[in-house]
Protein backbone atom coordinates (compact mmCIF):
# COMPACT_ATOMS: atom_id res chain seq x y z
CA MET A 1 13.68 10.76 22.31
CA SER A 2 12.94 9.40 18.82
CA ASP A 3 11.78 11.87 16.17
CA ARG A 4 10.16 9.08 14.13
CA ILE A 5 6.49 9.62 13.35
CA ARG A 6 4.18 7.47 15.45
CA VAL A 7 1.60 5.85 13.19
CA LEU A 8 -1.46 3.80 14.01
CA LEU A 9 -1.80 1.87 10.76
CA ILE A 10 -5.24 0.43 10.04
CA ALA A 11 -5.06 -2.43 7.54
CA GLU A 12 -8.04 -4.73 7.86
CA MET A 13 -6.74 -6.58 4.77
CA CYS A 14 -3.09 -7.38 5.50
CA ASN A 15 -1.55 -10.81 5.02
CA PRO A 16 1.98 -11.82 3.93
CA ASP A 17 0.83 -15.19 2.57
CA TRP A 18 -2.11 -14.05 0.45
CA ILE A 19 -2.27 -12.17 -2.83
CA SER A 20 -3.85 -8.98 -4.17
CA ILE A 21 -4.92 -6.32 -1.63
CA PRO A 22 -3.98 -8.30 1.52
CA LEU A 23 -0.42 -8.73 0.21
CA GLU A 24 -0.28 -5.06 -0.80
CA GLY A 25 -1.43 -4.10 2.69
CA TRP A 26 1.32 -6.22 4.22
CA CYS A 27 4.15 -5.04 1.93
CA HIS A 28 3.22 -1.38 2.09
CA GLY A 29 2.62 -1.55 5.83
CA GLN A 30 5.99 -3.14 6.55
CA ALA A 31 7.79 -0.60 4.38
CA ILE A 32 6.08 2.20 6.35
CA ALA A 33 7.02 0.48 9.61
CA ALA A 34 10.69 0.55 8.58
CA LEU A 35 10.57 4.37 8.51
CA THR A 36 8.17 5.13 11.37
CA ASP A 37 7.10 3.83 14.75
CA THR A 38 4.10 1.88 13.51
CA HIS A 39 1.51 -0.21 15.29
CA LEU A 40 -0.56 -2.30 12.89
CA VAL A 41 -4.26 -2.96 13.48
CA THR A 42 -5.72 -5.77 11.41
CA HIS A 43 -8.31 -8.54 11.32
CA THR A 44 -8.00 -11.77 13.26
CA ARG A 45 -7.99 -13.75 9.99
CA ASN A 46 -4.47 -12.40 9.43
CA ARG A 47 -3.10 -13.08 12.93
CA GLU A 48 -1.45 -16.44 12.33
CA ASN A 49 0.40 -15.47 9.15
CA ILE A 50 1.53 -12.12 10.55
CA ALA A 51 2.87 -13.81 13.66
CA LYS A 52 4.71 -16.37 11.52
CA ALA A 53 6.33 -13.45 9.70
CA GLY A 54 7.90 -12.36 12.99
CA LEU A 55 5.63 -9.63 14.33
CA ILE A 56 4.71 -9.84 18.01
CA GLU A 57 1.05 -9.37 18.86
CA GLY A 58 0.55 -6.56 21.34
CA GLN A 59 3.94 -5.06 20.58
CA HIS A 60 3.89 -4.74 16.78
CA PHE A 61 0.27 -5.45 15.89
CA THR A 62 -3.23 -5.97 17.21
CA ALA A 63 -5.75 -8.34 15.63
CA LEU A 64 -9.42 -7.58 16.21
CA ALA A 65 -12.11 -10.27 16.15
CA ALA A 66 -14.58 -10.60 13.28
CA PRO A 67 -18.00 -9.17 14.12
CA MET A 68 -21.14 -11.19 13.59
CA THR A 69 -22.17 -8.67 10.94
CA GLU A 70 -19.35 -9.75 8.67
CA ALA A 71 -20.34 -13.41 8.85
CA CYS A 72 -23.92 -12.53 7.97
CA LEU A 73 -22.86 -10.43 4.99
CA HIS A 74 -20.52 -13.16 3.78
CA THR A 75 -23.48 -15.54 3.72
CA LEU A 76 -25.61 -12.93 1.94
CA GLY A 77 -22.92 -12.51 -0.68
CA ARG A 78 -22.87 -16.22 -1.37
CA LEU A 79 -26.65 -16.36 -1.61
CA ALA A 80 -26.60 -13.41 -4.02
CA GLY A 81 -24.17 -15.26 -6.25
CA ALA A 82 -21.47 -12.65 -5.77
CA ARG A 83 -18.74 -15.29 -5.69
CA ALA A 84 -20.18 -17.36 -8.48
CA MET A 85 -19.11 -17.57 -12.11
CA GLY A 86 -15.34 -17.44 -11.69
CA ASN A 87 -14.76 -14.68 -9.14
CA LYS A 88 -17.10 -12.23 -10.81
CA SER A 89 -19.32 -9.51 -9.31
CA TRP A 90 -16.45 -7.67 -7.65
CA THR A 91 -18.58 -4.52 -7.41
CA THR A 92 -21.24 -6.39 -5.46
CA LEU A 93 -18.66 -7.85 -3.10
CA THR A 94 -17.16 -4.41 -2.51
CA ALA A 95 -20.58 -2.97 -1.69
CA LEU A 96 -21.22 -5.75 0.82
CA SER A 97 -17.80 -5.40 2.41
CA ALA A 98 -18.35 -1.66 2.83
CA VAL A 99 -21.27 -2.35 5.13
CA ALA A 100 -19.32 -5.03 7.02
CA TYR A 101 -16.42 -2.67 7.62
CA TYR A 102 -18.28 -0.30 9.94
CA PRO A 103 -18.20 -2.66 12.96
CA PHE A 104 -14.46 -3.19 12.45
CA GLU A 105 -13.71 0.51 12.76
CA ARG A 106 -15.93 0.71 15.86
CA GLN A 107 -13.76 -1.96 17.43
CA VAL A 108 -10.64 -0.03 16.46
CA TRP A 109 -11.94 3.04 18.26
CA GLN A 110 -13.03 1.07 21.31
CA ARG A 111 -9.53 -0.39 21.59
CA PHE A 112 -7.42 2.64 20.59
CA GLY A 113 -9.66 5.67 21.02
CA ALA A 114 -8.23 6.62 24.42
CA ASP A 115 -4.67 6.29 23.09
CA ILE A 116 -5.49 8.46 20.08
CA ARG A 117 -7.09 11.14 22.25
CA GLY A 118 -4.16 10.93 24.64
CA GLY A 119 -1.58 11.71 21.96
CA ALA A 120 -0.01 8.25 21.68
CA TYR A 121 -0.02 8.56 17.88
CA ASP A 122 0.90 11.42 15.57
CA VAL A 123 -1.07 10.07 12.60
CA VAL A 124 -3.81 7.51 12.04
CA HIS A 125 -3.55 5.99 8.56
CA ARG A 126 -6.22 3.72 7.06
CA LEU A 127 -4.23 1.77 4.49
CA THR A 128 -6.90 -0.80 3.61
CA PRO A 129 -9.61 -1.19 2.42
CA MET A 130 -8.53 0.55 -0.76
CA SER A 131 -11.98 0.95 -2.27
CA PRO A 132 -13.07 4.61 -2.48
CA THR A 133 -16.61 3.47 -1.71
CA VAL A 134 -15.94 2.55 1.94
CA PRO A 135 -16.59 5.44 4.36
CA SER A 136 -14.71 5.76 7.64
CA LEU A 137 -16.02 6.45 11.11
CA LEU A 138 -12.45 6.95 12.32
CA ALA A 139 -12.01 10.08 10.21
CA HIS A 140 -14.60 11.92 12.31
CA TRP A 141 -13.36 10.58 15.64
CA CYS A 142 -9.73 11.41 14.82
CA ARG A 143 -10.58 14.95 13.81
CA ARG A 144 -12.37 15.48 17.11
CA ALA A 145 -9.27 14.14 18.86
CA GLY A 146 -7.03 16.51 16.88
CA VAL A 147 -5.03 13.71 15.23
CA PRO A 148 -4.56 13.74 11.43
CA PHE A 149 -6.37 10.94 9.60
CA VAL A 150 -4.87 9.74 6.30
CA MET A 151 -6.68 7.35 3.98
CA GLY A 152 -5.37 5.47 0.96
CA PRO A 153 -4.04 4.80 -1.54
CA LEU A 154 -7.62 4.49 -2.74
CA ASN A 155 -8.17 2.80 -6.07
CA GLY A 156 -11.28 1.78 -7.96
CA GLY A 157 -14.18 3.28 -9.81
CA LEU A 158 -12.64 2.86 -13.24
CA ALA A 159 -15.42 3.13 -15.81
CA TRP A 160 -15.98 0.36 -18.32
CA PRO A 161 -14.69 1.57 -21.69
CA ALA A 162 -17.56 2.19 -24.08
CA GLN A 163 -16.15 -0.29 -26.59
CA PHE A 164 -16.44 -3.12 -24.04
CA GLY A 165 -19.55 -2.18 -22.10
CA HIS A 166 -21.09 -5.57 -22.89
CA LEU A 167 -18.50 -7.24 -20.66
CA ARG A 168 -20.15 -5.71 -17.59
CA ALA A 169 -22.98 -8.18 -17.98
CA VAL A 170 -20.57 -11.04 -18.61
CA GLU A 171 -18.71 -10.13 -15.42
CA ARG A 172 -22.00 -9.69 -13.52
CA GLU A 173 -21.02 -6.14 -12.58
CA TRP A 174 -24.61 -5.03 -12.13
CA LEU A 175 -23.81 -2.31 -9.59
CA SER A 176 -21.29 -0.70 -11.92
CA TYR A 177 -24.23 0.78 -13.84
CA VAL A 178 -24.89 2.98 -10.79
CA ARG A 179 -21.30 3.10 -9.54
CA GLY A 180 -21.55 6.80 -8.68
CA ALA A 181 -24.26 6.05 -6.13
CA TYR A 182 -21.62 5.27 -3.49
CA LYS A 183 -21.19 9.01 -3.07
CA LEU A 184 -24.67 9.03 -1.52
CA LEU A 185 -23.67 6.53 1.19
CA PRO A 186 -23.89 7.78 4.77
CA GLY A 187 -20.45 8.97 5.77
CA TYR A 188 -19.04 9.45 2.28
CA ARG A 189 -18.74 13.23 2.40
CA SER A 190 -18.00 13.43 6.11
CA THR A 191 -15.12 10.97 5.66
CA ARG A 192 -13.49 13.19 3.07
CA ARG A 193 -14.33 16.34 5.00
CA ASN A 194 -12.73 15.02 8.18
CA ALA A 195 -9.71 13.35 6.57
CA SER A 196 -6.48 15.33 6.62
CA ALA A 197 -5.17 13.64 3.46
CA ILE A 198 -6.71 11.46 0.76
CA VAL A 199 -4.18 9.40 -1.16
CA ALA A 200 -5.38 8.48 -4.66
CA GLY A 201 -3.77 5.37 -6.14
CA SER A 202 -4.67 6.12 -9.77
CA ALA A 203 -5.50 9.07 -11.98
CA SER A 204 -9.02 7.76 -12.56
CA THR A 205 -9.69 7.51 -8.82
CA ARG A 206 -8.39 11.03 -8.27
CA ALA A 207 -10.68 12.29 -11.03
CA GLU A 208 -13.64 10.82 -9.13
CA ILE A 209 -12.86 12.86 -6.00
CA ASP A 210 -15.01 15.96 -5.72
CA ALA A 211 -13.38 19.31 -6.44
CA GLU A 212 -13.80 20.51 -2.86
CA PHE A 213 -11.53 17.71 -1.63
CA GLN A 214 -8.82 17.94 -4.28
CA ALA A 215 -6.70 20.26 -2.15
CA LYS A 216 -6.19 17.47 0.38
CA THR A 217 -5.62 14.77 -2.27
CA VAL A 218 -2.20 13.39 -3.22
CA TYR A 219 -1.41 10.91 -6.01
CA VAL A 220 0.67 7.88 -4.98
CA PRO A 221 0.38 4.83 -7.27
CA GLU A 222 -1.27 1.84 -5.63
CA ASN A 223 1.10 -0.87 -6.79
CA ALA A 224 4.76 -1.53 -6.09
CA ILE A 225 7.25 -4.37 -6.04
CA ASP A 226 9.75 -5.93 -3.68
CA PRO A 227 12.98 -5.75 -5.71
CA THR A 228 14.44 -8.75 -3.85
CA ARG A 229 11.79 -10.92 -5.49
CA PHE A 230 12.83 -9.87 -9.00
CA GLU A 231 16.55 -10.41 -9.19
CA ARG A 232 16.62 -12.08 -12.59
CA GLN A 233 16.98 -9.88 -15.64
CA CYS A 234 16.00 -10.91 -19.14
CA GLN A 235 18.99 -10.71 -21.46
CA GLY A 236 19.25 -9.63 -25.07
CA PRO A 237 19.46 -9.39 -27.94
CA PRO A 238 16.93 -12.20 -28.20
CA ALA A 239 16.96 -14.93 -30.79
CA ARG A 240 13.84 -15.96 -32.65
CA PRO A 241 11.28 -17.09 -31.84
CA LEU A 242 10.50 -14.26 -29.46
CA ARG A 243 8.89 -15.43 -26.26
CA VAL A 244 5.75 -13.47 -25.35
CA VAL A 245 3.87 -14.04 -22.08
CA PHE A 246 0.44 -13.16 -20.74
CA ILE A 247 -0.28 -13.51 -17.01
CA GLY A 248 -3.70 -13.13 -15.46
CA ARG A 249 -7.09 -14.58 -14.67
CA LEU A 250 -8.60 -15.99 -17.80
CA VAL A 251 -11.74 -13.86 -17.89
CA PRO A 252 -13.06 -11.86 -20.86
CA TYR A 253 -11.94 -8.35 -19.89
CA LYS A 254 -8.29 -9.39 -19.52
CA GLY A 255 -8.07 -9.59 -23.32
CA ALA A 256 -6.18 -12.87 -23.78
CA ASP A 257 -8.44 -13.72 -26.71
CA MET A 258 -7.39 -10.53 -28.52
CA LEU A 259 -3.74 -11.36 -27.90
CA ILE A 260 -4.10 -14.88 -29.29
CA GLU A 261 -5.80 -13.57 -32.41
CA ALA A 262 -3.12 -10.90 -32.87
CA ALA A 263 -0.24 -13.32 -32.34
CA ALA A 264 -1.62 -16.22 -34.39
CA PRO A 265 0.04 -15.38 -37.77
CA LEU A 266 3.43 -14.87 -36.12
CA ALA A 267 2.99 -18.03 -34.05
CA ARG A 268 2.13 -20.08 -37.12
CA ALA A 269 5.24 -18.76 -38.84
CA GLY A 270 7.41 -19.79 -35.89
CA GLN A 271 8.42 -16.19 -35.14
CA ILE A 272 6.99 -16.04 -31.61
CA VAL A 273 5.95 -18.38 -28.82
CA LEU A 274 3.07 -17.20 -26.65
CA ASP A 275 2.58 -18.49 -23.09
CA VAL A 276 -0.87 -17.76 -21.67
CA ILE A 277 -0.24 -18.15 -17.94
CA GLY A 278 -3.26 -18.34 -15.69
CA ASP A 279 -6.55 -20.12 -15.20
CA GLY A 280 -10.21 -19.26 -15.25
CA PRO A 281 -13.53 -19.79 -17.02
CA GLU A 282 -12.12 -18.68 -20.40
CA MET A 283 -9.49 -21.43 -20.57
CA ALA A 284 -11.42 -23.81 -22.85
CA ARG A 285 -12.47 -21.03 -25.23
CA LEU A 286 -8.93 -19.68 -25.48
CA GLN A 287 -7.54 -23.12 -26.22
CA SER A 288 -10.19 -23.50 -28.91
CA LEU A 289 -9.10 -20.18 -30.45
CA ALA A 290 -5.52 -21.41 -30.62
CA ARG A 291 -6.61 -24.63 -32.30
CA ALA A 292 -8.77 -22.77 -34.80
CA ALA A 293 -5.81 -20.55 -35.66
CA ASP A 294 -3.61 -23.63 -36.19
CA ALA A 295 -1.21 -22.23 -33.58
CA THR A 296 -1.28 -24.85 -30.82
CA HIS A 297 2.42 -25.64 -31.31
CA SER A 298 3.36 -22.04 -30.42
CA VAL A 299 0.50 -20.89 -28.14
CA ARG A 300 0.87 -22.69 -24.82
CA PHE A 301 -1.30 -22.85 -21.70
CA PRO A 302 0.81 -23.82 -18.68
CA GLY A 303 -2.02 -22.99 -16.26
CA TRP A 304 -1.61 -21.08 -13.04
CA ILE A 305 1.97 -20.83 -11.80
CA PRO A 306 2.59 -20.08 -8.10
CA HIS A 307 3.97 -16.60 -7.58
CA ARG A 308 7.16 -17.93 -5.97
CA ASP A 309 7.92 -19.90 -9.16
CA LEU A 310 6.94 -17.24 -11.67
CA GLN A 311 10.29 -15.45 -11.84
CA GLN A 312 12.09 -18.65 -12.78
CA TYR A 313 9.44 -19.54 -15.37
CA LEU A 314 9.81 -16.13 -17.01
CA ASP A 315 13.56 -16.51 -17.39
CA GLY A 316 14.20 -16.19 -21.11
CA ALA A 317 10.95 -14.36 -21.90
CA HIS A 318 11.15 -11.12 -23.87
CA VAL A 319 7.73 -9.45 -24.02
CA PHE A 320 4.83 -9.15 -21.59
CA ALA A 321 1.53 -8.61 -23.42
CA PHE A 322 -1.42 -7.68 -21.21
CA PRO A 323 -4.30 -6.08 -23.15
CA SER A 324 -6.72 -5.92 -20.19
CA VAL A 325 -9.39 -3.32 -20.96
CA ARG A 326 -10.26 -2.50 -17.33
CA GLU A 327 -7.40 -2.76 -14.87
CA PHE A 328 -7.31 -0.65 -11.71
CA GLY A 329 -3.68 -1.12 -10.72
CA GLY A 330 -1.60 -3.53 -12.74
CA ALA A 331 0.83 -5.09 -10.25
CA VAL A 332 1.64 -7.85 -12.73
CA VAL A 333 2.78 -5.21 -15.23
CA LEU A 334 5.29 -3.83 -12.74
CA GLU A 335 6.54 -7.32 -11.96
CA ALA A 336 7.16 -8.02 -15.64
CA MET A 337 8.89 -4.67 -16.06
CA ALA A 338 11.07 -5.41 -13.02
CA LEU A 339 12.37 -8.49 -14.84
CA GLY A 340 13.21 -6.47 -17.94
CA LEU A 341 10.34 -7.65 -20.13
CA VAL A 342 8.95 -5.19 -22.65
CA PRO A 343 5.33 -4.43 -21.63
CA ILE A 344 2.43 -4.07 -24.06
CA VAL A 345 -0.66 -2.75 -22.27
CA MET A 346 -3.78 -0.72 -22.85
CA ASP A 347 -3.46 3.01 -22.31
CA TYR A 348 -6.34 2.92 -19.85
CA GLY A 349 -6.46 2.55 -16.09
CA GLY A 350 -3.47 1.55 -14.00
CA PRO A 351 -1.23 -0.03 -16.66
CA GLY A 352 -1.33 3.14 -18.75
CA GLU A 353 0.14 5.04 -15.78
CA LEU A 354 2.99 2.56 -15.33
CA VAL A 355 4.20 2.25 -18.93
CA THR A 356 5.74 5.39 -20.39
CA ALA A 357 6.97 6.48 -23.78
CA SER A 358 10.42 5.04 -23.15
CA THR A 359 9.58 1.85 -21.29
CA GLY A 360 6.96 0.00 -23.34
CA PHE A 361 3.89 0.13 -25.55
CA ALA A 362 0.60 1.68 -24.38
CA LEU A 363 -2.14 1.03 -26.93
CA PRO A 364 -5.08 3.42 -27.25
CA MET A 365 -8.48 2.13 -26.23
CA ALA A 366 -10.42 1.25 -29.37
CA SER A 367 -12.72 -1.37 -30.83
CA ARG A 368 -11.76 -5.00 -30.45
CA ASP A 369 -10.65 -5.26 -34.08
CA ASP A 370 -8.49 -2.16 -33.79
CA ILE A 371 -6.85 -3.43 -30.60
CA VAL A 372 -6.04 -6.73 -32.30
CA ALA A 373 -4.50 -4.81 -35.18
CA SER A 374 -2.46 -2.63 -32.82
CA LEU A 375 -1.22 -5.65 -30.88
CA ARG A 376 -0.19 -7.39 -34.09
CA ALA A 377 1.63 -4.29 -35.35
CA VAL A 378 3.70 -4.05 -32.16
CA LEU A 379 4.54 -7.76 -32.21
CA GLU A 380 5.53 -7.55 -35.88
CA ARG A 381 7.76 -4.60 -35.14
CA LEU A 382 9.53 -6.42 -32.30
CA VAL A 383 10.02 -9.50 -34.47
CA ALA A 384 11.44 -7.35 -37.27
CA THR A 385 13.79 -5.36 -35.03
CA PRO A 386 14.54 -7.47 -31.94
CA SER A 387 17.56 -5.32 -31.12
CA GLN A 388 15.25 -2.73 -29.53
CA ILE A 389 13.91 -5.23 -26.96
CA ALA A 390 16.92 -5.19 -24.63
CA PRO A 391 17.20 -1.38 -24.26
CA ILE A 392 13.45 -0.93 -23.79
CA GLY A 393 13.39 -3.77 -21.27
CA ALA A 394 16.34 -2.26 -19.39
CA ARG A 395 14.52 1.07 -19.09
CA ALA A 396 11.34 -0.71 -17.97
CA ARG A 397 13.34 -2.54 -15.31
CA ALA A 398 14.99 0.68 -14.15
CA ARG A 399 11.61 2.43 -13.89
CA ALA A 400 10.03 -0.39 -11.87
CA GLN A 401 13.01 -0.92 -9.58
CA GLY A 402 13.77 2.78 -9.15
CA GLN A 403 10.32 4.34 -8.79
CA PHE A 404 7.85 1.61 -7.86
CA THR A 405 9.27 -0.22 -4.85
CA TRP A 406 7.51 -0.44 -1.49
CA GLN A 407 10.42 1.48 0.01
CA VAL A 408 9.83 4.39 -2.39
CA LYS A 409 6.11 4.33 -1.62
CA ALA A 410 6.81 4.37 2.11
CA GLN A 411 9.08 7.40 1.66
CA GLN A 412 6.29 9.12 -0.28
CA MET A 413 3.86 8.32 2.52
CA VAL A 414 6.21 9.80 5.12
CA HIS A 415 6.14 13.03 3.09
CA VAL A 416 2.33 12.90 3.31
CA TYR A 417 2.55 12.43 7.09
CA ASN A 418 4.92 15.39 7.41
CA TRP A 419 2.54 17.46 5.31
CA VAL A 420 -0.53 16.78 7.48
CA LEU A 421 1.62 17.42 10.56
CA GLY A 422 2.57 20.85 9.19
CA ARG A 423 6.26 20.01 8.83
CA GLU A 424 6.49 20.47 5.05
CA GLY A 425 4.41 21.54 2.06
CA LYS A 426 2.03 19.38 0.10
CA PRO A 427 3.98 16.76 -1.86
CA ASN A 428 3.59 16.36 -5.60
CA PHE A 429 5.19 13.22 -7.03
CA GLY A 430 3.73 13.68 -10.51
CA MET A 431 0.70 12.00 -12.08
CA PRO A 432 1.84 9.71 -13.53
CA LEU A 433 5.34 9.40 -12.10
CA THR A 434 7.82 10.77 -14.60
CA ASP A 435 10.57 8.73 -16.24
CA LEU A 436 14.07 8.53 -14.88
CA PRO A 437 16.25 11.38 -16.22
CA ASP A 438 18.22 9.21 -18.65
CA ALA A 439 15.19 7.52 -20.23
CA GLU A 440 14.90 7.74 -24.00
CA THR A 441 11.85 8.05 -26.18
CA VAL A 442 11.83 5.80 -29.22
CA GLU A 443 10.31 7.23 -32.38
CA THR A 444 7.52 5.20 -33.95
CA SER A 445 5.31 5.48 -36.95
CA GLY A 446 2.10 4.84 -35.00
CA ALA A 447 0.60 7.75 -33.12
CA ARG A 448 -0.47 5.74 -30.08
CA THR A 449 0.30 2.14 -30.96
CA ALA A 450 3.90 2.10 -29.80
CA LEU A 451 6.38 3.81 -27.51
CA GLY A 452 5.15 7.26 -28.38
CA ALA A 453 1.73 6.50 -26.91
CA ARG A 454 0.87 9.00 -24.19
CA HIS A 455 -2.48 9.76 -22.64
CA ARG A 456 -1.93 13.00 -20.78
């Protein structure tokens, strides 16, 4: 008889051919399935792509039909303008999806409730949705059935930094002004009370969890990489000009405008080339900034590059600059690190938990002018001493490939399962994850504008 843990894995968002949370749900779920006896429960919208990936419906996964409620809320979201203005109003969309999720969990229980009560599964794990605002009916039903219910990694709820509060209006994040109100939703407290384990995907999300539930909370970072997708490694020492890249949606809070302003003097002097990779409503304004800075010959806009082609495009790049001021996870940061690029990020939210004192530059949150100055100082330092790029990049690559793979996350989740099953003590992986033992800290003159930047 197999001693593998039997897991009913709930991942309403789970798709191997999509991006963002659906892709995370797929990658994490498959890594868990490699270590446990897992049956995946997902939405019918994912059925075709999951089947194409080789899973057999009924044997490996079950796809449940979309309820009428979801279609109605999708229409309401469109009427409310939640999808307008370049994918803005994410908070509004999350609030709407929370309501639509209830019928999905009811269907899960109707289909699997008897199996759960009958002991067919050791653990029920709700992997997605990842939003901490979405309550769960399953938590209560599983507790009554005597089967541990695990939820997460949850991620979200990151406050807008005070220096950039005006961007909430630009992003149409109206509900973020009352973001704490989700704790008043029916089922919020009962979900956490009935859950056996709450997995927090970021330090900020864990901080939002009430003190009475901290004892059942474990930190496991949300994002990870598939190392087979990042086989290339940037080589050094680099020759000038240094190649700096930005990757992301071109929206105000991602900070591409600050990066262009910071890089402009070095770009004009031919010391760096900056590729702003992505698309979005800010494209025209960013191109105008480059023209105004007389840097169009060294600040390039290749547009959006398909993920499958990105690794090849980044071959020969040296630095990944991503001054987003409000980033929950930061998967793109890990991907750049996995290729050996030196990351420059804000020491706020997810990216600040990925980049450590030996693996990149975490800049302190500050005013826009101060961030521009900090960015420029780091770029000037790398231009002046390019020999440090290769060793920093190598440590960044080792951190990403050694501590942030889906396989590592699945192993961490198995420890969580064993904990709720009473087979081992509560796991503690660190928050944030610590560096590899042989990592080095590089001395800098700036207190928090270079490798010495730490926020805990």
